[in-house]
Protein backbone atom coordinates (compact mmCIF):
# COMPACT_ATOMS: atom_id res chain seq x y z
CA MET A 1 27.76 -14.78 57.42
CA LEU A 2 27.62 -11.26 56.05
CA ILE A 3 29.26 -12.35 52.84
CA LYS A 4 26.76 -15.19 52.45
CA LYS A 5 23.83 -12.76 52.88
CA MET A 6 25.36 -10.41 50.33
CA LEU A 7 25.81 -13.26 47.85
CA ASN A 8 22.20 -14.38 48.38
CA ALA A 9 20.98 -10.82 47.87
CA ALA A 10 23.05 -10.49 44.70
CA ALA A 11 21.71 -13.78 43.41
CA LEU A 12 18.15 -12.68 44.14
CA LEU A 13 18.67 -9.37 42.35
CA THR A 14 20.14 -11.19 39.36
CA PHE A 15 17.17 -13.56 39.28
CA PHE A 16 14.66 -10.70 39.27
CA ALA A 17 16.68 -8.81 36.65
CA VAL A 18 16.69 -11.84 34.34
CA LEU A 19 13.00 -12.47 35.02
CA GLY A 20 12.15 -8.83 34.34
CA GLY A 21 14.15 -8.83 31.12
CA GLY A 22 12.43 -11.99 29.99
CA LEU A 23 9.00 -10.55 30.70
CA VAL A 24 9.85 -7.38 28.77
CA ALA A 25 11.11 -9.41 25.80
CA PHE A 26 8.01 -11.63 25.90
CA SER A 27 5.71 -8.63 26.14
CA PHE A 28 7.47 -6.96 23.20
CA GLN A 29 7.14 -10.10 21.10
CA ILE A 30 3.42 -10.40 21.83
CA THR A 31 2.85 -6.68 21.16
CA HIS A 32 4.87 -6.82 17.94
CA LYS A 33 2.86 -9.78 16.67
CA GLN A 34 -0.39 -7.97 17.52
CA ILE A 35 0.74 -4.86 15.64
CA ILE A 36 1.56 -6.96 12.57
CA ALA A 37 -1.80 -8.71 12.81
CA ASN A 38 -3.64 -5.38 13.09
CA GLU A 39 -1.76 -3.94 10.10
CA ARG A 40 -2.54 -7.04 8.04
CA ALA A 41 -6.23 -6.86 8.96
CA ALA A 42 -6.38 -3.15 8.04
CA LEU A 43 -4.69 -3.84 4.70
CA LEU A 44 -7.10 -6.68 3.94
CA ARG A 45 -10.07 -4.40 4.65
CA THR A 46 -8.73 -1.89 2.13
CA LEU A 47 -8.01 -4.59 -0.43
CA ASN A 48 -11.59 -5.81 -0.04
CA VAL A 49 -12.89 -2.31 -0.68
CA LEU A 50 -11.17 -2.42 -4.07
CA ILE A 51 -11.93 -6.08 -4.78
CA PRO A 52 -15.01 -7.27 -2.84
CA ARG A 53 -14.51 -10.60 -1.11
CA ASP A 54 -17.16 -12.38 -3.19
CA GLN A 55 -15.23 -11.61 -6.39
CA TYR A 56 -12.21 -13.77 -5.54
CA ASP A 57 -11.55 -17.04 -3.72
CA ASN A 58 -7.77 -17.14 -3.31
CA ASP A 59 -5.51 -15.85 -0.52
CA LEU A 60 -4.34 -12.38 -1.53
CA PHE A 61 -1.45 -12.46 0.92
CA THR A 62 0.12 -15.57 -0.59
CA ASP A 63 -0.74 -14.96 -4.26
CA ILE A 64 1.62 -12.05 -4.83
CA ARG A 65 4.39 -10.86 -7.11
CA GLN A 66 7.31 -8.58 -6.27
CA ILE A 67 8.33 -6.44 -9.23
CA GLN A 68 10.75 -3.58 -9.76
CA ASN A 69 10.52 -1.53 -12.94
CA GLU A 70 11.56 2.09 -12.54
CA ALA A 71 11.33 2.80 -16.27
CA VAL A 72 7.57 2.14 -16.39
CA LEU A 73 6.39 2.53 -12.80
CA GLY A 74 8.38 5.69 -12.11
CA THR A 75 9.74 4.53 -8.75
CA VAL A 76 12.95 2.75 -7.79
CA GLU A 77 11.14 0.85 -5.05
CA PRO A 78 9.98 -2.71 -5.69
CA ILE A 79 6.21 -3.02 -5.55
CA THR A 80 3.98 -5.81 -4.33
CA ILE A 81 1.15 -6.98 -6.55
CA TYR A 82 -1.77 -8.77 -4.91
CA ARG A 83 -3.47 -11.03 -7.44
CA ALA A 84 -7.17 -11.83 -7.12
CA ARG A 85 -8.51 -14.96 -8.77
CA LYS A 86 -11.85 -16.77 -8.94
CA ASN A 87 -11.89 -20.48 -9.74
CA GLY A 88 -8.27 -20.18 -10.80
CA GLN A 89 -8.98 -17.39 -13.30
CA PRO A 90 -7.44 -13.90 -12.89
CA VAL A 91 -9.87 -11.24 -11.73
CA ALA A 92 -7.78 -8.22 -10.76
CA ALA A 93 -4.37 -7.02 -9.62
CA ILE A 94 -3.75 -4.54 -6.84
CA LEU A 95 -0.43 -2.73 -7.00
CA THR A 96 1.30 -1.08 -4.05
CA GLN A 97 2.40 1.85 -6.17
CA VAL A 98 4.50 4.78 -4.94
CA ALA A 99 4.20 8.42 -6.00
CA PRO A 100 7.78 9.59 -5.33
CA ASP A 101 7.36 13.23 -6.33
CA ALA A 102 4.68 14.51 -3.98
CA TYR A 103 5.01 17.79 -2.08
CA ASN A 104 6.25 16.32 1.17
CA GLY A 105 7.72 12.93 0.34
CA ARG A 106 6.40 9.65 -1.01
CA ILE A 107 2.74 8.77 -1.23
CA ARG A 108 2.04 5.04 -1.01
CA LEU A 109 -1.00 3.84 -2.89
CA LEU A 110 -3.06 0.78 -3.61
CA VAL A 111 -4.05 0.78 -7.28
CA GLY A 112 -6.65 -1.82 -8.21
CA ILE A 113 -6.97 -2.84 -11.86
CA ASN A 114 -9.37 -5.46 -13.17
CA TYR A 115 -8.21 -8.11 -15.62
CA GLU A 116 -9.43 -6.11 -18.62
CA GLY A 117 -7.39 -3.07 -17.58
CA SER A 118 -9.94 -0.76 -15.93
CA LEU A 119 -9.33 0.83 -12.55
CA VAL A 120 -11.52 -0.64 -9.83
CA GLY A 121 -10.26 1.91 -7.36
CA VAL A 122 -7.34 3.68 -5.74
CA ARG A 123 -6.64 4.21 -2.05
CA VAL A 124 -3.89 5.96 -0.12
CA LEU A 125 -1.89 3.82 2.28
CA SER A 126 0.36 6.51 3.69
CA HIS A 127 1.55 10.05 3.03
CA GLN A 128 3.02 13.12 4.71
CA GLU A 129 1.15 15.80 2.79
CA THR A 130 -0.01 19.03 4.45
CA PRO A 131 -3.14 18.59 6.62
CA GLY A 132 -6.08 20.51 5.22
CA LEU A 133 -4.46 20.78 1.77
CA GLY A 134 -2.72 17.74 0.33
CA ASP A 135 -4.49 15.26 2.56
CA LYS A 136 -7.62 15.56 0.41
CA ILE A 137 -6.27 12.50 -1.41
CA GLU A 138 -7.63 10.51 1.56
CA MET A 139 -11.19 9.19 1.46
CA ARG A 140 -11.88 10.53 4.95
CA ARG A 141 -11.07 14.05 3.71
CA SER A 142 -12.76 14.09 0.29
CA ASN A 143 -14.04 11.81 -2.47
CA TRP A 144 -11.40 13.02 -4.93
CA ILE A 145 -9.74 9.60 -5.06
CA LEU A 146 -12.97 8.13 -6.46
CA SER A 147 -12.43 10.07 -9.68
CA PHE A 148 -10.17 7.21 -10.83
CA ASN A 149 -12.90 4.57 -10.67
CA GLY A 150 -13.52 2.98 -14.07
CA ARG A 151 -10.73 4.91 -15.79
CA THR A 152 -8.45 3.27 -18.36
CA LEU A 153 -5.48 4.32 -20.46
CA LYS A 154 -7.96 5.42 -23.14
CA ASN A 155 -10.46 7.04 -20.77
CA PRO A 156 -9.27 9.71 -20.67
CA ASP A 157 -6.65 9.80 -23.40
CA LYS A 158 -3.00 10.50 -22.56
CA ALA A 159 -3.51 14.28 -22.53
CA GLY A 160 -6.34 13.91 -20.03
CA TRP A 161 -4.21 12.05 -17.49
CA LYS A 162 -3.17 15.25 -15.76
CA VAL A 163 -4.70 17.72 -13.34
CA LYS A 164 -6.82 20.45 -14.91
CA ARG A 165 -4.13 23.08 -14.42
CA ASP A 166 -1.91 21.00 -16.72
CA GLY A 167 -4.65 20.46 -19.29
CA GLY A 168 -6.06 17.21 -17.92
CA ILE A 169 -9.42 16.21 -16.43
CA PHE A 170 -8.53 15.65 -12.77
CA ASP A 171 -9.21 18.33 -10.19
CA GLN A 172 -6.33 19.87 -8.30
CA PHE A 173 -6.60 21.16 -4.74
CA THR A 174 -6.50 24.81 -3.82
CA GLY A 175 -2.96 25.47 -2.64
CA ALA A 176 -1.83 21.89 -3.24
CA THR A 177 -1.50 21.10 -6.93
CA ILE A 178 1.68 19.03 -6.54
CA THR A 179 -0.04 16.35 -4.46
CA PRO A 180 -2.84 15.36 -6.87
CA ARG A 181 -0.45 15.75 -9.80
CA ALA A 182 1.85 13.14 -8.25
CA VAL A 183 -1.02 10.74 -7.57
CA VAL A 184 -2.47 11.07 -11.09
CA LYS A 185 0.95 10.39 -12.57
CA ALA A 186 1.50 7.33 -10.38
CA VAL A 187 -1.91 5.86 -11.20
CA TYR A 188 -1.36 6.42 -14.93
CA LYS A 189 2.02 4.69 -14.75
CA SER A 190 0.37 1.78 -12.96
CA LEU A 191 -2.03 1.37 -15.88
CA GLN A 192 0.83 1.57 -18.35
CA PHE A 193 2.73 -1.09 -16.47
CA TYR A 194 -0.31 -3.36 -16.29
CA GLN A 195 -1.00 -3.03 -20.00
CA GLN A 196 2.58 -3.98 -20.89
CA TYR A 197 3.07 -6.74 -18.32
CA ARG A 198 -0.34 -8.24 -17.61
CA ASP A 199 0.76 -11.75 -18.57
CA GLU A 200 3.79 -11.46 -16.30
CA VAL A 201 1.67 -10.10 -13.47
CA PHE A 202 -0.52 -13.20 -13.42
CA ALA A 203 2.17 -15.74 -14.33
CA GLU A 204 2.91 -18.50 -11.84
CA ASN A 205 5.72 -17.69 -9.45
CA LYS A 206 8.93 -19.55 -10.15
CA LYS A 207 9.79 -22.04 -7.42
């Protein structure tokens, strides 16, 4: 009788352990999906800041290209290119560029370029720069990032695509020159890449 009670108790404990584990796994799966959905929604909001929703009619998350070109882009990481189209015609490309040589690690950017090759905007996705110094690349900290709007490879010329301390036209930050220097360089390389590979950027993906 005692053995039977012990076996029943063990079985009950096993049942609750399995049930608890299943609930934890289910909860994790639901939470993970919600996190992904939130991240996707946040990214779409930023994409729509660079390319307003009424300027394209395709799905940016399915109309993409994955490209790796260290020689031109200046990063070994493959980048994603979101391609905006209207009535089947290319409107703009948004590159997930990386500035690898910032002060405190990589800075991940969204660089929006219209079909003609002008910058429609740049935004920072993530960084680890020093708060109060290097984080002025963020819109919530300053409007410095807006200085790229409308720029092209010819405006300014090559010499101007540097911070002022290096002879260019872009402001540096007090005590944090390395950060804006890295961003300017990454944005310039994005424009160079786009100029050389625009046809490839908007080419149909191979099936």
